[in-house]
C-alpha atoms as a PDB file:
ATOM      1  CA  MET A   1       1.512   9.791  -7.883  1.00  0.00           C
ATOM      2  CA  SER A   2       0.331   9.064  -4.245  1.00  0.00           C
ATOM      3  CA  ALA A   3      -2.757   7.745  -3.437  1.00  0.00           C
ATOM      4  CA  PRO A   4      -5.539  10.059  -2.451  1.00  0.00           C
ATOM      5  CA  MET A   5      -6.341   9.074   1.165  1.00  0.00           C
ATOM      6  CA  ASP A   6      -9.364   9.920   2.219  1.00  0.00           C
ATOM      7  CA  ILE A   7      -9.245  11.331   5.493  1.00  0.00           C
ATOM      8  CA  GLU A   8     -12.764  11.927   6.607  1.00  0.00           C
ATOM      9  CA  GLY A   9     -14.357   8.798   4.759  1.00  0.00           C
ATOM     10  CA  PRO A  10     -15.302   5.307   6.007  1.00  0.00           C
ATOM     11  CA  ALA A  11     -12.075   4.396   4.274  1.00  0.00           C
ATOM     12  CA  ALA A  12      -9.808   6.941   5.834  1.00  0.00           C
ATOM     13  CA  PRO A  13      -6.750   4.396   7.876  1.00  0.00           C
ATOM     14  CA  PRO A  14      -6.082   5.036  11.283  1.00  0.00           C
ATOM     15  CA  ARG A  15      -4.153   7.853  12.160  1.00  0.00           C
ATOM     16  CA  SER A  16      -2.807   9.032  15.380  1.00  0.00           C
ATOM     17  CA  ASN A  17      -1.737  13.176  15.070  1.00  0.00           C
ATOM     18  CA  GLY A  18      -1.803  12.718  11.464  1.00  0.00           C
ATOM     19  CA  GLU A  19       0.458  10.264  11.369  1.00  0.00           C
ATOM     20  CA  LEU A  20      -0.465   6.897   9.972  1.00  0.00           C
ATOM     21  CA  VAL A  21      -0.735   4.023  12.453  1.00  0.00           C
ATOM     22  CA  PHE A  22       0.441   0.213  11.980  1.00  0.00           C
ATOM     23  CA  ALA A  23      -0.274  -1.738  15.131  1.00  0.00           C
ATOM     24  CA  GLU A  24       1.656  -4.596  13.100  1.00  0.00           C
ATOM     25  CA  PRO A  25       4.627  -5.081  10.311  1.00  0.00           C
ATOM     26  CA  TRP A  26       2.075  -6.781   8.021  1.00  0.00           C
ATOM     27  CA  GLU A  27      -0.419  -3.802   8.231  1.00  0.00           C
ATOM     28  CA  SER A  28       2.303  -1.529   6.884  1.00  0.00           C
ATOM     29  CA  ARG A  29       3.207  -4.029   4.320  1.00  0.00           C
ATOM     30  CA  ALA A  30      -0.356  -4.653   3.129  1.00  0.00           C
ATOM     31  CA  PHE A  31      -1.094  -0.796   3.168  1.00  0.00           C
ATOM     32  CA  GLY A  32       2.111  -0.166   0.966  1.00  0.00           C
ATOM     33  CA  MET A  33       1.176  -3.036  -1.245  1.00  0.00           C
ATOM     34  CA  ALA A  34      -1.881  -1.502  -2.017  1.00  0.00           C
ATOM     35  CA  VAL A  35      -0.707   2.017  -2.823  1.00  0.00           C
ATOM     36  CA  THR A  36       2.413   0.460  -4.899  1.00  0.00           C
ATOM     37  CA  LEU A  37      -0.336  -1.212  -7.012  1.00  0.00           C
ATOM     38  CA  TYR A  38      -2.374   1.819  -7.177  1.00  0.00           C
ATOM     39  CA  GLU A  39       0.629   4.017  -8.225  1.00  0.00           C
ATOM     40  CA  ALA A  40       1.928   1.257 -10.553  1.00  0.00           C
ATOM     41  CA  GLY A  41      -1.177   1.854 -12.254  1.00  0.00           C
ATOM     42  CA  ALA A  42      -2.654  -1.559 -11.565  1.00  0.00           C
ATOM     43  CA  PHE A  43      -5.848  -0.241 -10.419  1.00  0.00           C
ATOM     44  CA  THR A  44      -7.693   3.372  -9.663  1.00  0.00           C
ATOM     45  CA  TRP A  45      -8.033   4.713  -6.295  1.00  0.00           C
ATOM     46  CA  PRO A  46     -12.162   4.891  -6.634  1.00  0.00           C
ATOM     47  CA  GLU A  47     -11.654   1.096  -7.499  1.00  0.00           C
ATOM     48  CA  PHE A  48      -9.307   0.097  -4.425  1.00  0.00           C
ATOM     49  CA  GLN A  49     -11.792   2.734  -2.491  1.00  0.00           C
ATOM     50  CA  ALA A  50     -15.237   1.280  -2.961  1.00  0.00           C
ATOM     51  CA  ALA A  51     -13.900  -2.483  -2.419  1.00  0.00           C
ATOM     52  CA  LEU A  52     -12.706  -1.026   1.072  1.00  0.00           C
ATOM     53  CA  ILE A  53     -15.987   0.669   1.524  1.00  0.00           C
ATOM     54  CA  SER A  54     -18.033  -2.313   0.513  1.00  0.00           C
ATOM     55  CA  ARG A  55     -15.931  -4.645   2.832  1.00  0.00           C
ATOM     56  CA  ILE A  56     -16.233  -2.099   5.676  1.00  0.00           C
ATOM     57  CA  ALA A  57     -19.857  -2.355   5.141  1.00  0.00           C
ATOM     58  CA  ALA A  58     -20.115  -6.058   5.014  1.00  0.00           C
ATOM     59  CA  TRP A  59     -18.259  -6.261   8.299  1.00  0.00           C
ATOM     60  CA  GLU A  60     -20.254  -3.981  10.064  1.00  0.00           C
ATOM     61  CA  ALA A  61     -23.592  -5.441   8.960  1.00  0.00           C
ATOM     62  CA  SER A  62     -22.399  -9.020  10.181  1.00  0.00           C
ATOM     63  CA  ALA A  63     -19.774  -8.214  13.356  1.00  0.00           C
ATOM     64  CA  GLU A  64     -20.976  -9.813  16.411  1.00  0.00           C
ATOM     65  CA  PRO A  65     -21.301  -7.007  19.187  1.00  0.00           C
ATOM     66  CA  ASP A  66     -17.847  -7.639  21.169  1.00  0.00           C
ATOM     67  CA  GLU A  67     -16.353  -8.497  17.723  1.00  0.00           C
ATOM     68  CA  SER A  68     -13.432  -5.912  16.997  1.00  0.00           C
ATOM     69  CA  TYR A  69     -13.009  -3.664  14.097  1.00  0.00           C
ATOM     70  CA  ASP A  70      -9.591  -4.668  12.276  1.00  0.00           C
ATOM     71  CA  TYR A  71      -9.370  -1.880   9.669  1.00  0.00           C
ATOM     72  CA  TYR A  72      -6.391  -3.620   8.232  1.00  0.00           C
ATOM     73  CA  ARG A  73      -7.605  -6.634   7.787  1.00  0.00           C
ATOM     74  CA  LEU A  74     -10.483  -5.491   6.006  1.00  0.00           C
ATOM     75  CA  TRP A  75      -7.896  -3.572   3.656  1.00  0.00           C
ATOM     76  CA  LEU A  76      -5.930  -6.431   3.152  1.00  0.00           C
ATOM     77  CA  ALA A  77      -9.635  -8.441   2.297  1.00  0.00           C
ATOM     78  CA  ALA A  78     -10.509  -5.368  -0.086  1.00  0.00           C
ATOM     79  CA  LEU A  79      -6.960  -5.445  -1.621  1.00  0.00           C
ATOM     80  CA  GLU A  80      -7.471  -9.104  -2.494  1.00  0.00           C
ATOM     81  CA  ASP A  81     -11.089  -8.345  -4.168  1.00  0.00           C
ATOM     82  CA  VAL A  82      -9.592  -5.726  -6.557  1.00  0.00           C
ATOM     83  CA  LEU A  83      -6.871  -7.888  -7.684  1.00  0.00           C
ATOM     84  CA  ALA A  84      -9.410 -10.984  -8.222  1.00  0.00           C
ATOM     85  CA  GLY A  85     -11.596  -8.753 -10.092  1.00  0.00           C
ATOM     86  CA  LEU A  86      -9.109  -7.603 -12.268  1.00  0.00           C
ATOM     87  CA  ARG A  87      -8.018 -11.238 -12.580  1.00  0.00           C
ATOM     88  CA  ALA A  88      -4.290 -10.230 -11.936  1.00  0.00           C
ATOM     89  CA  VAL A  89      -4.575 -13.169  -9.236  1.00  0.00           C
ATOM     90  CA  SER A  90      -7.174 -15.632  -8.108  1.00  0.00           C
ATOM     91  CA  THR A  91      -9.267 -16.294  -5.724  1.00  0.00           C
ATOM     92  CA  ASP A  92      -7.718 -19.599  -5.092  1.00  0.00           C
ATOM     93  CA  GLU A  93      -4.459 -18.320  -5.068  1.00  0.00           C
ATOM     94  CA  VAL A  94      -5.112 -15.994  -2.399  1.00  0.00           C
ATOM     95  CA  THR A  95      -6.616 -18.711  -0.164  1.00  0.00           C
ATOM     96  CA  ALA A  96      -3.697 -21.251  -1.161  1.00  0.00           C
ATOM     97  CA  ARG A  97      -0.909 -18.430  -0.181  1.00  0.00           C
ATOM     98  CA  ALA A  98      -2.535 -16.985   3.012  1.00  0.00           C
ATOM     99  CA  ARG A  99      -2.723 -20.777   4.082  1.00  0.00           C
ATOM    100  CA  ALA A 100       0.706 -21.210   3.558  1.00  0.00           C
ATOM    101  CA  LEU A 101       1.708 -18.069   5.189  1.00  0.00           C
ATOM    102  CA  GLY A 102      -0.615 -19.038   7.901  1.00  0.00           C
ATOM    103  CA  ARG A 103       1.442 -21.972   8.428  1.00  0.00           C
ATOM    104  CA  ARG A 104       5.150 -20.318   8.755  1.00  0.00           C
ATOM    105  CA  PRO A 105       6.566 -20.497  12.159  1.00  0.00           C
ATOM    106  CA  GLU A 106       6.296 -17.747  14.471  1.00  0.00           C
ATOM    107  CA  GLY A 107       9.028 -14.938  13.612  1.00  0.00           C
ATOM    108  CA  HIS A 108       9.715 -16.491  10.203  1.00  0.00           C
ATOM    109  CA  ASP A 109       8.796 -13.133   8.989  1.00  0.00           C
ATOM    110  CA  HIS A 110      11.827 -11.649  10.374  1.00  0.00           C
ATOM    111  CA  ARG A 111      14.603 -12.047   8.093  1.00  0.00           C
ATOM    112  CA  GLY A 112      18.734 -11.066   8.585  1.00  0.00           C
ATOM    113  CA  HIS A 113      20.222  -8.802   6.479  1.00  0.00           C
ATOM    114  CA  ASP A 114      21.986 -11.750   4.615  1.00  0.00           C
ATOM    115  CA  ASP A 115      18.873 -13.478   3.429  1.00  0.00           C
ATOM    116  CA  HIS A 116      18.936 -11.187   0.352  1.00  0.00           C
ATOM    117  CA  LEU A 117      21.794 -13.479  -0.491  1.00  0.00           C
ATOM    118  CA  HIS A 118      20.028 -16.920  -0.172  1.00  0.00           C
END
C-alpha cells in the first residue's frame, strides 16, 4: 500500500519534472515518516490530507505578505496534528522533542557509518 499522493490538489508536494523535491534532509525524513506511518495503518491518507489542507489554509489566512511558504513545515505540523489527534503522542511530547532537537549543535544530525554500534 502506498500513499495516494494528491498531484493536483492543495496538499500536493513540491515536484520538479515529476519527482519530489526536498530542499533539506529533514524534509525527506518528515515526508517518509508520514508515508511510513500511513502504510503501517496508523491513520488513513484522507485524515492526513485533511490535516495538511487545514494547516495550509491556516497559514494562508495568517501569513504576512513577505512570509515564504514552507510546505514541509506545514507537512510536519499536519503529521503532529494527526498523531496528537490519535493520542499516539501528546502535544507536550512533540513540543519537548522539537525543543531538544532544536538545541542540538548544527551538523549533529549527520552520523558516521559506525554510529549504529554506539
